[in-house]
Amino acid sequence: MARIVLTIGGYVLGNLLLPGIGGAIGGAIGGYVGGMVDQQIFGSGTPDQTIYGARLQDLRVQSSSYGSVIPALYGKGRLSSNIIWMRGFEEETRTTTETVGGGGKGGGGGSTTTTTVEYHYYCDVAVGLCQGPIASVPRAFADGNVFDPAHVGDMRVHTGSNTQGPDPLIQAVEGVANTPAYRGLAYVVLERLHITPYGNRLPQLSFEVVT
């Protein structure tokens, strides 16, 4: 509004002072000053906005089934895994804010704030490998690629001995009386596995095992 009023005012005043060319000069000056006044009063005119990232809607996991054969490995090999325990997904919200503008001459000028909300998901899962005991698990793979250790809070290997005890995380969640030790079964527990890098789903996990 101020831009229109001052543009017209500058045009009229410029014609009075400098007939012929004064109107154009006065109108330009009036429009510039009016634009600054508008920004100070009304802002840039661009509303703030919030952008939401993808959010998990359903549970998508790799194959888990009863009655699956437990393989026996001799030497060294790469084995697929079968889920034997899993806790529900944990959602973590990360919010970042970016403000653009606001640097007009004399402290004027409007600004636009963009807020980005991202959803990250984590889970705790235990996967069975083969008959124990085993010696070690040198490498892990997710969706066919070498697993990035940064994507998991802790990875524990249970070698499948006849004396192994229950996993402490499963025991804490399920209770002492409800947690089997899975003796004779080599398995891996992935605690706080970050699944967002895998499309918000549990990746296909496989492991290199040495017996």
C-alpha atoms as a PDB file:
ATOM      1  CA  MET A   1       0.000   0.000   0.000  1.00  0.00           C
ATOM      2  CA  ALA A   2       2.779   2.440   0.919  1.00  0.00           C
ATOM      3  CA  ARG A   3       4.545   1.665  -2.364  1.00  0.00           C
ATOM      4  CA  ILE A   4       1.484   2.704  -4.404  1.00  0.00           C
ATOM      5  CA  VAL A   5       0.832   5.876  -2.377  1.00  0.00           C
ATOM      6  CA  LEU A   6       4.435   7.072  -2.394  1.00  0.00           C
ATOM      7  CA  THR A   7       4.896   6.216  -6.071  1.00  0.00           C
ATOM      8  CA  ILE A   8       1.950   8.427  -7.007  1.00  0.00           C
ATOM      9  CA  GLY A   9       3.053  11.115  -4.561  1.00  0.00           C
ATOM     10  CA  GLY A  10       6.590  11.116  -5.921  1.00  0.00           C
ATOM     11  CA  TYR A  11       5.304  11.327  -9.490  1.00  0.00           C
ATOM     12  CA  VAL A  12       3.117  14.364  -8.683  1.00  0.00           C
ATOM     13  CA  LEU A  13       5.826  16.124  -6.670  1.00  0.00           C
ATOM     14  CA  GLY A  14       8.439  15.448  -9.340  1.00  0.00           C
ATOM     15  CA  ASN A  15       6.227  16.981 -12.046  1.00  0.00           C
ATOM     16  CA  LEU A  16       5.748  20.109  -9.925  1.00  0.00           C
ATOM     17  CA  LEU A  17       9.458  20.568  -9.273  1.00  0.00           C
ATOM     18  CA  LEU A  18      10.857  19.335 -12.594  1.00  0.00           C
ATOM     19  CA  PRO A  19       8.227  19.347 -15.320  1.00  0.00           C
ATOM     20  CA  GLY A  20       8.820  16.641 -17.914  1.00  0.00           C
ATOM     21  CA  ILE A  21      11.348  14.305 -16.332  1.00  0.00           C
ATOM     22  CA  GLY A  22      10.667  14.941 -12.650  1.00  0.00           C
ATOM     23  CA  GLY A  23       7.606  12.708 -12.611  1.00  0.00           C
ATOM     24  CA  ALA A  24       9.534   9.587 -13.605  1.00  0.00           C
ATOM     25  CA  ILE A  25      12.347  10.284 -11.149  1.00  0.00           C
ATOM     26  CA  GLY A  26       9.973  11.127  -8.328  1.00  0.00           C
ATOM     27  CA  GLY A  27       7.855   8.050  -9.014  1.00  0.00           C
ATOM     28  CA  ALA A  28      10.897   5.759  -8.908  1.00  0.00           C
ATOM     29  CA  ILE A  29      12.113   7.277  -5.637  1.00  0.00           C
ATOM     30  CA  GLY A  30       8.640   7.094  -4.145  1.00  0.00           C
ATOM     31  CA  GLY A  31       8.225   3.432  -5.193  1.00  0.00           C
ATOM     32  CA  TYR A  32      11.583   2.488  -3.646  1.00  0.00           C
ATOM     33  CA  VAL A  33      10.822   4.205  -0.337  1.00  0.00           C
ATOM     34  CA  GLY A  34       7.305   2.778  -0.334  1.00  0.00           C
ATOM     35  CA  GLY A  35       8.632  -0.745  -0.871  1.00  0.00           C
ATOM     36  CA  MET A  36      10.891  -0.413   2.160  1.00  0.00           C
ATOM     37  CA  VAL A  37       7.980   0.856   4.253  1.00  0.00           C
ATOM     38  CA  ASP A  38       5.819  -2.095   3.107  1.00  0.00           C
ATOM     39  CA  GLN A  39       8.521  -4.592   4.072  1.00  0.00           C
ATOM     40  CA  GLN A  40       8.914  -3.018   7.497  1.00  0.00           C
ATOM     41  CA  ILE A  41       5.176  -3.134   8.164  1.00  0.00           C
ATOM     42  CA  PHE A  42       4.011  -6.260   6.346  1.00  0.00           C
ATOM     43  CA  GLY A  43       7.204  -8.290   5.898  1.00  0.00           C
ATOM     44  CA  SER A  44       8.266  -9.947   2.666  1.00  0.00           C
ATOM     45  CA  GLY A  45       4.832 -11.334   1.914  1.00  0.00           C
ATOM     46  CA  THR A  46       6.165 -14.892   1.735  1.00  0.00           C
ATOM     47  CA  PRO A  47       4.691 -17.036   4.520  1.00  0.00           C
ATOM     48  CA  ASP A  48       6.795 -19.255   6.735  1.00  0.00           C
ATOM     49  CA  GLN A  49       6.598 -22.932   5.792  1.00  0.00           C
ATOM     50  CA  THR A  50       7.111 -26.314   7.384  1.00  0.00           C
ATOM     51  CA  ILE A  51       8.367 -29.306   5.377  1.00  0.00           C
ATOM     52  CA  TYR A  52       7.691 -32.794   6.729  1.00  0.00           C
ATOM     53  CA  GLY A  53       9.818 -35.795   5.807  1.00  0.00           C
ATOM     54  CA  ALA A  54       8.693 -39.371   5.214  1.00  0.00           C
ATOM     55  CA  ARG A  55       7.023 -41.033   8.174  1.00  0.00           C
ATOM     56  CA  LEU A  56       6.731 -44.743   8.838  1.00  0.00           C
ATOM     57  CA  GLN A  57       3.200 -46.010   8.316  1.00  0.00           C
ATOM     58  CA  ASP A  58       3.578 -49.765   8.527  1.00  0.00           C
ATOM     59  CA  LEU A  59       5.904 -52.473   9.755  1.00  0.00           C
ATOM     60  CA  ARG A  60       8.146 -53.891   7.060  1.00  0.00           C
ATOM     61  CA  VAL A  61      10.676 -56.533   8.113  1.00  0.00           C
ATOM     62  CA  GLN A  62      12.732 -59.218   6.482  1.00  0.00           C
ATOM     63  CA  SER A  63      11.525 -62.813   6.516  1.00  0.00           C
ATOM     64  CA  SER A  64      10.808 -64.336   9.903  1.00  0.00           C
ATOM     65  CA  SER A  65       9.153 -67.738  10.148  1.00  0.00           C
ATOM     66  CA  TYR A  66       8.671 -70.736  12.403  1.00  0.00           C
ATOM     67  CA  GLY A  67      10.170 -74.072  11.457  1.00  0.00           C
ATOM     68  CA  SER A  68      13.092 -72.654   9.472  1.00  0.00           C
ATOM     69  CA  VAL A  69      16.100 -74.942   9.157  1.00  0.00           C
ATOM     70  CA  ILE A  70      19.055 -74.005  11.357  1.00  0.00           C
ATOM     71  CA  PRO A  71      22.126 -74.427   9.141  1.00  0.00           C
ATOM     72  CA  ALA A  72      25.304 -76.133  10.267  1.00  0.00           C
ATOM     73  CA  LEU A  73      28.447 -74.368   9.055  1.00  0.00           C
ATOM     74  CA  TYR A  74      31.942 -75.818   8.839  1.00  0.00           C
ATOM     75  CA  GLY A  75      34.794 -73.437   8.198  1.00  0.00           C
ATOM     76  CA  LYS A  76      33.785 -70.031   6.893  1.00  0.00           C
ATOM     77  CA  GLY A  77      30.700 -68.840   5.024  1.00  0.00           C
ATOM     78  CA  ARG A  78      28.177 -66.094   4.527  1.00  0.00           C
ATOM     79  CA  LEU A  79      24.773 -66.841   6.017  1.00  0.00           C
ATOM     80  CA  SER A  80      21.413 -65.151   5.802  1.00  0.00           C
ATOM     81  CA  SER A  81      19.583 -64.583   9.074  1.00  0.00           C
ATOM     82  CA  ASN A  82      16.182 -65.285  10.571  1.00  0.00           C
ATOM     83  CA  ILE A  83      14.556 -62.926  13.047  1.00  0.00           C
ATOM     84  CA  ILE A  84      14.084 -64.554  16.446  1.00  0.00           C
ATOM     85  CA  TRP A  85      13.189 -61.436  18.467  1.00  0.00           C
ATOM     86  CA  MET A  86      12.335 -57.814  17.769  1.00  0.00           C
ATOM     87  CA  ARG A  87      11.157 -54.797  19.721  1.00  0.00           C
ATOM     88  CA  GLY A  88       8.909 -52.202  18.082  1.00  0.00           C
ATOM     89  CA  PHE A  89      10.261 -49.231  16.181  1.00  0.00           C
ATOM     90  CA  GLU A  90      11.307 -46.082  18.034  1.00  0.00           C
ATOM     91  CA  GLU A  91      10.585 -42.755  16.332  1.00  0.00           C
ATOM     92  CA  GLU A  92      12.914 -39.797  16.723  1.00  0.00           C
ATOM     93  CA  THR A  93      11.972 -36.341  15.421  1.00  0.00           C
ATOM     94  CA  ARG A  94      14.702 -33.995  14.194  1.00  0.00           C
ATOM     95  CA  THR A  95      13.791 -30.386  13.458  1.00  0.00           C
ATOM     96  CA  THR A  96      15.972 -27.843  11.641  1.00  0.00           C
ATOM     97  CA  THR A  97      15.123 -24.192  10.972  1.00  0.00           C
ATOM     98  CA  GLU A  98      16.520 -21.939   8.249  1.00  0.00           C
ATOM     99  CA  THR A  99      15.763 -18.220   7.920  1.00  0.00           C
ATOM    100  CA  VAL A 100      16.311 -16.477   4.578  1.00  0.00           C
ATOM    101  CA  GLY A 101      16.166 -12.725   4.069  1.00  0.00           C
ATOM    102  CA  GLY A 102      15.876  -9.967   6.617  1.00  0.00           C
ATOM    103  CA  GLY A 103      19.039  -8.228   5.458  1.00  0.00           C
ATOM    104  CA  GLY A 104      17.512  -5.207   3.746  1.00  0.00           C
ATOM    105  CA  LYS A 105      19.194  -1.805   3.720  1.00  0.00           C
ATOM    106  CA  GLY A 106      18.808  -0.018   7.015  1.00  0.00           C
ATOM    107  CA  GLY A 107      17.718  -3.184   8.804  1.00  0.00           C
ATOM    108  CA  GLY A 108      14.593  -3.572   6.708  1.00  0.00           C
ATOM    109  CA  GLY A 109      13.463  -6.416   4.508  1.00  0.00           C
ATOM    110  CA  GLY A 110      11.277  -9.350   5.311  1.00  0.00           C
ATOM    111  CA  SER A 111      12.394 -12.876   6.026  1.00  0.00           C
ATOM    112  CA  THR A 112      11.056 -16.370   5.447  1.00  0.00           C
ATOM    113  CA  THR A 113      11.572 -19.180   7.923  1.00  0.00           C
ATOM    114  CA  THR A 114      11.572 -22.770   6.659  1.00  0.00           C
ATOM    115  CA  THR A 115      11.220 -25.511   9.243  1.00  0.00           C
ATOM    116  CA  THR A 116      12.128 -29.065   8.204  1.00  0.00           C
ATOM    117  CA  VAL A 117      10.834 -31.953  10.294  1.00  0.00           C
ATOM    118  CA  GLU A 118      12.516 -35.322   9.686  1.00  0.00           C
ATOM    119  CA  TYR A 119      11.535 -38.652  11.210  1.00  0.00           C
ATOM    120  CA  HIS A 120      14.227 -41.198  12.050  1.00  0.00           C
ATOM    121  CA  TYR A 121      13.529 -44.750  13.160  1.00  0.00           C
ATOM    122  CA  TYR A 122      15.428 -47.230  15.303  1.00  0.00           C
ATOM    123  CA  CYS A 123      14.750 -50.806  16.383  1.00  0.00           C
ATOM    124  CA  ASP A 124      16.248 -53.585  18.476  1.00  0.00           C
ATOM    125  CA  VAL A 125      16.401 -56.988  16.796  1.00  0.00           C
ATOM    126  CA  ALA A 126      17.958 -60.411  17.301  1.00  0.00           C
ATOM    127  CA  VAL A 127      18.668 -62.685  14.328  1.00  0.00           C
ATOM    128  CA  GLY A 128      19.606 -66.352  14.362  1.00  0.00           C
ATOM    129  CA  LEU A 129      22.529 -67.564  12.244  1.00  0.00           C
ATOM    130  CA  CYS A 130      23.443 -71.253  12.599  1.00  0.00           C
ATOM    131  CA  GLN A 131      24.272 -74.058  14.969  1.00  0.00           C
ATOM    132  CA  GLY A 132      26.909 -73.145  17.498  1.00  0.00           C
ATOM    133  CA  PRO A 133      29.416 -72.846  18.683  1.00  0.00           C
ATOM    134  CA  ILE A 134      31.081 -70.447  16.233  1.00  0.00           C
ATOM    135  CA  ALA A 135      34.394 -68.635  16.493  1.00  0.00           C
ATOM    136  CA  SER A 136      33.523 -65.145  15.200  1.00  0.00           C
ATOM    137  CA  VAL A 137      31.471 -62.933  12.880  1.00  0.00           C
ATOM    138  CA  PRO A 138      34.056 -60.866  10.974  1.00  0.00           C
ATOM    139  CA  ARG A 139      31.614 -58.930   8.774  1.00  0.00           C
ATOM    140  CA  ALA A 140      27.943 -58.036   8.479  1.00  0.00           C
ATOM    141  CA  PHE A 141      25.960 -57.049   5.379  1.00  0.00           C
ATOM    142  CA  ALA A 142      22.769 -55.046   4.911  1.00  0.00           C
ATOM    143  CA  ASP A 143      20.909 -55.357   1.606  1.00  0.00           C
ATOM    144  CA  GLY A 144      23.999 -56.945   0.110  1.00  0.00           C
ATOM    145  CA  ASN A 145      26.382 -54.149   1.113  1.00  0.00           C
ATOM    146  CA  VAL A 146      28.944 -54.105   3.914  1.00  0.00           C
ATOM    147  CA  PHE A 147      27.131 -52.946   7.022  1.00  0.00           C
ATOM    148  CA  ASP A 148      28.042 -49.484   8.303  1.00  0.00           C
ATOM    149  CA  PRO A 149      28.843 -49.714  12.050  1.00  0.00           C
ATOM    150  CA  ALA A 150      27.600 -46.133  12.459  1.00  0.00           C
ATOM    151  CA  HIS A 151      24.057 -47.390  11.808  1.00  0.00           C
ATOM    152  CA  VAL A 152      23.873 -49.392  15.040  1.00  0.00           C
ATOM    153  CA  GLY A 153      24.345 -48.497  18.678  1.00  0.00           C
ATOM    154  CA  ASP A 154      25.730 -51.898  19.665  1.00  0.00           C
ATOM    155  CA  MET A 155      26.103 -55.295  17.962  1.00  0.00           C
ATOM    156  CA  ARG A 156      26.551 -58.350  20.173  1.00  0.00           C
ATOM    157  CA  VAL A 157      27.471 -61.808  18.881  1.00  0.00           C
ATOM    158  CA  HIS A 158      26.349 -64.855  20.866  1.00  0.00           C
ATOM    159  CA  THR A 159      28.496 -67.786  19.759  1.00  0.00           C
ATOM    160  CA  GLY A 160      25.938 -70.504  20.481  1.00  0.00           C
ATOM    161  CA  SER A 161      27.766 -72.391  23.183  1.00  0.00           C
ATOM    162  CA  ASN A 162      25.927 -74.785  25.500  1.00  0.00           C
ATOM    163  CA  THR A 163      26.585 -72.465  28.429  1.00  0.00           C
ATOM    164  CA  GLN A 164      25.744 -69.057  26.956  1.00  0.00           C
ATOM    165  CA  GLY A 165      23.439 -66.828  28.967  1.00  0.00           C
ATOM    166  CA  PRO A 166      20.502 -64.704  27.762  1.00  0.00           C
ATOM    167  CA  ASP A 167      21.094 -61.372  26.081  1.00  0.00           C
ATOM    168  CA  PRO A 168      20.812 -58.520  28.617  1.00  0.00           C
ATOM    169  CA  LEU A 169      18.645 -56.318  26.369  1.00  0.00           C
ATOM    170  CA  ILE A 170      16.100 -59.052  25.626  1.00  0.00           C
ATOM    171  CA  GLN A 171      16.089 -59.934  29.293  1.00  0.00           C
ATOM    172  CA  ALA A 172      15.456 -56.314  30.295  1.00  0.00           C
ATOM    173  CA  VAL A 173      12.523 -56.044  27.861  1.00  0.00           C
ATOM    174  CA  GLU A 174      10.901 -59.459  28.288  1.00  0.00           C
ATOM    175  CA  GLY A 175      11.819 -60.228  31.877  1.00  0.00           C
ATOM    176  CA  VAL A 176      14.190 -62.794  33.335  1.00  0.00           C
ATOM    177  CA  ALA A 177      11.673 -65.628  33.372  1.00  0.00           C
ATOM    178  CA  ASN A 178      10.616 -65.043  29.740  1.00  0.00           C
ATOM    179  CA  THR A 179      14.032 -64.806  28.067  1.00  0.00           C
ATOM    180  CA  PRO A 180      15.627 -67.955  26.604  1.00  0.00           C
ATOM    181  CA  ALA A 181      19.392 -68.226  26.305  1.00  0.00           C
ATOM    182  CA  TYR A 182      19.161 -69.851  22.845  1.00  0.00           C
ATOM    183  CA  ARG A 183      21.913 -72.283  23.816  1.00  0.00           C
ATOM    184  CA  GLY A 184      23.352 -74.080  20.833  1.00  0.00           C
ATOM    185  CA  LEU A 185      22.226 -71.294  18.478  1.00  0.00           C
ATOM    186  CA  ALA A 186      24.611 -68.596  17.244  1.00  0.00           C
ATOM    187  CA  TYR A 187      22.791 -65.302  16.950  1.00  0.00           C
ATOM    188  CA  VAL A 188      23.403 -61.574  16.734  1.00  0.00           C
ATOM    189  CA  VAL A 189      21.648 -58.778  18.612  1.00  0.00           C
ATOM    190  CA  LEU A 190      21.549 -55.359  16.950  1.00  0.00           C
ATOM    191  CA  GLU A 191      20.691 -52.718  19.532  1.00  0.00           C
ATOM    192  CA  ARG A 192      19.318 -49.361  18.328  1.00  0.00           C
ATOM    193  CA  LEU A 193      19.639 -50.191  14.639  1.00  0.00           C
ATOM    194  CA  HIS A 194      19.078 -47.050  12.543  1.00  0.00           C
ATOM    195  CA  ILE A 195      16.730 -48.142   9.753  1.00  0.00           C
ATOM    196  CA  THR A 196      16.073 -44.738   8.118  1.00  0.00           C
ATOM    197  CA  PRO A 197      19.131 -45.118   5.805  1.00  0.00           C
ATOM    198  CA  TYR A 198      17.437 -48.311   4.510  1.00  0.00           C
ATOM    199  CA  GLY A 199      14.168 -46.683   3.518  1.00  0.00           C
ATOM    200  CA  ASN A 200      12.572 -46.932   6.972  1.00  0.00           C
ATOM    201  CA  ARG A 201      12.556 -50.718   6.898  1.00  0.00           C
ATOM    202  CA  LEU A 202      14.618 -53.480   8.374  1.00  0.00           C
ATOM    203  CA  PRO A 203      17.267 -54.372   5.763  1.00  0.00           C
ATOM    204  CA  GLN A 204      18.044 -57.901   4.607  1.00  0.00           C
ATOM    205  CA  LEU A 205      20.809 -58.900   7.014  1.00  0.00           C
ATOM    206  CA  SER A 206      23.496 -61.487   6.366  1.00  0.00           C
ATOM    207  CA  PHE A 207      26.730 -62.289   8.168  1.00  0.00           C
ATOM    208  CA  GLU A 208      30.133 -63.760   7.459  1.00  0.00           C
ATOM    209  CA  VAL A 209      30.610 -66.512  10.028  1.00  0.00           C
ATOM    210  CA  VAL A 210      33.714 -68.466  11.043  1.00  0.00           C
ATOM    211  CA  THR A 211      33.391 -71.728  12.968  1.00  0.00           C
END
